[in-house]
């Protein structure tokens, strides 16, 4: 079965190459974002309690970011959020292929896990309802791994292009999104 910890390391490599940039003030959210976790979406997270402790002595966001990256409590909280909101919700622990699980997980973190599940369901030929049940798991596990990899990358890129067509301001992200889709 697919391993969350390995998938999380893949995600970290794609998203957070440098610990000094893992924390930033998110103007759109009017709050902090740490490793992709929005403060406003998770206001009671232990991440923000740890951040508050550091802010008593440090104001530089890059230094705060590095401190949080090395904080066991904050990092465990990040993993728990990704595990619960994405990995477990998609039942990726029951997917036999690590590659398939990582494709869905990483795409889901970027576009919402329900969208990622629907794309996987469309690809493997089951009802695209965004809910992983026995039929979806069976179809995922029986689908050829290499065909899934190529087909899912295609679906991801198509999704991003449709998003850009609807909202051209997202065009600046296209290259990064395409590279991300191909990287997993």
Foldseek 3Di string as FASTA:
>chain_A
DADLVVLVVVLCVLQPVDLLPQWDQDPVLRAIGGNLRGCVVVVPQVLVVLLVVCVVPDDRSSVSSNVLVPDPRNVVSVSVCLCVQAVVQQVLVLAPDNLLSSLLSNLCSVPNSLVSLLQLCVQLPHDSPSGDDPVSRVSRNPDDPVSSLVSSLVSQLVVQVVVCVVPVVCVVCNVSSNCSSNSD
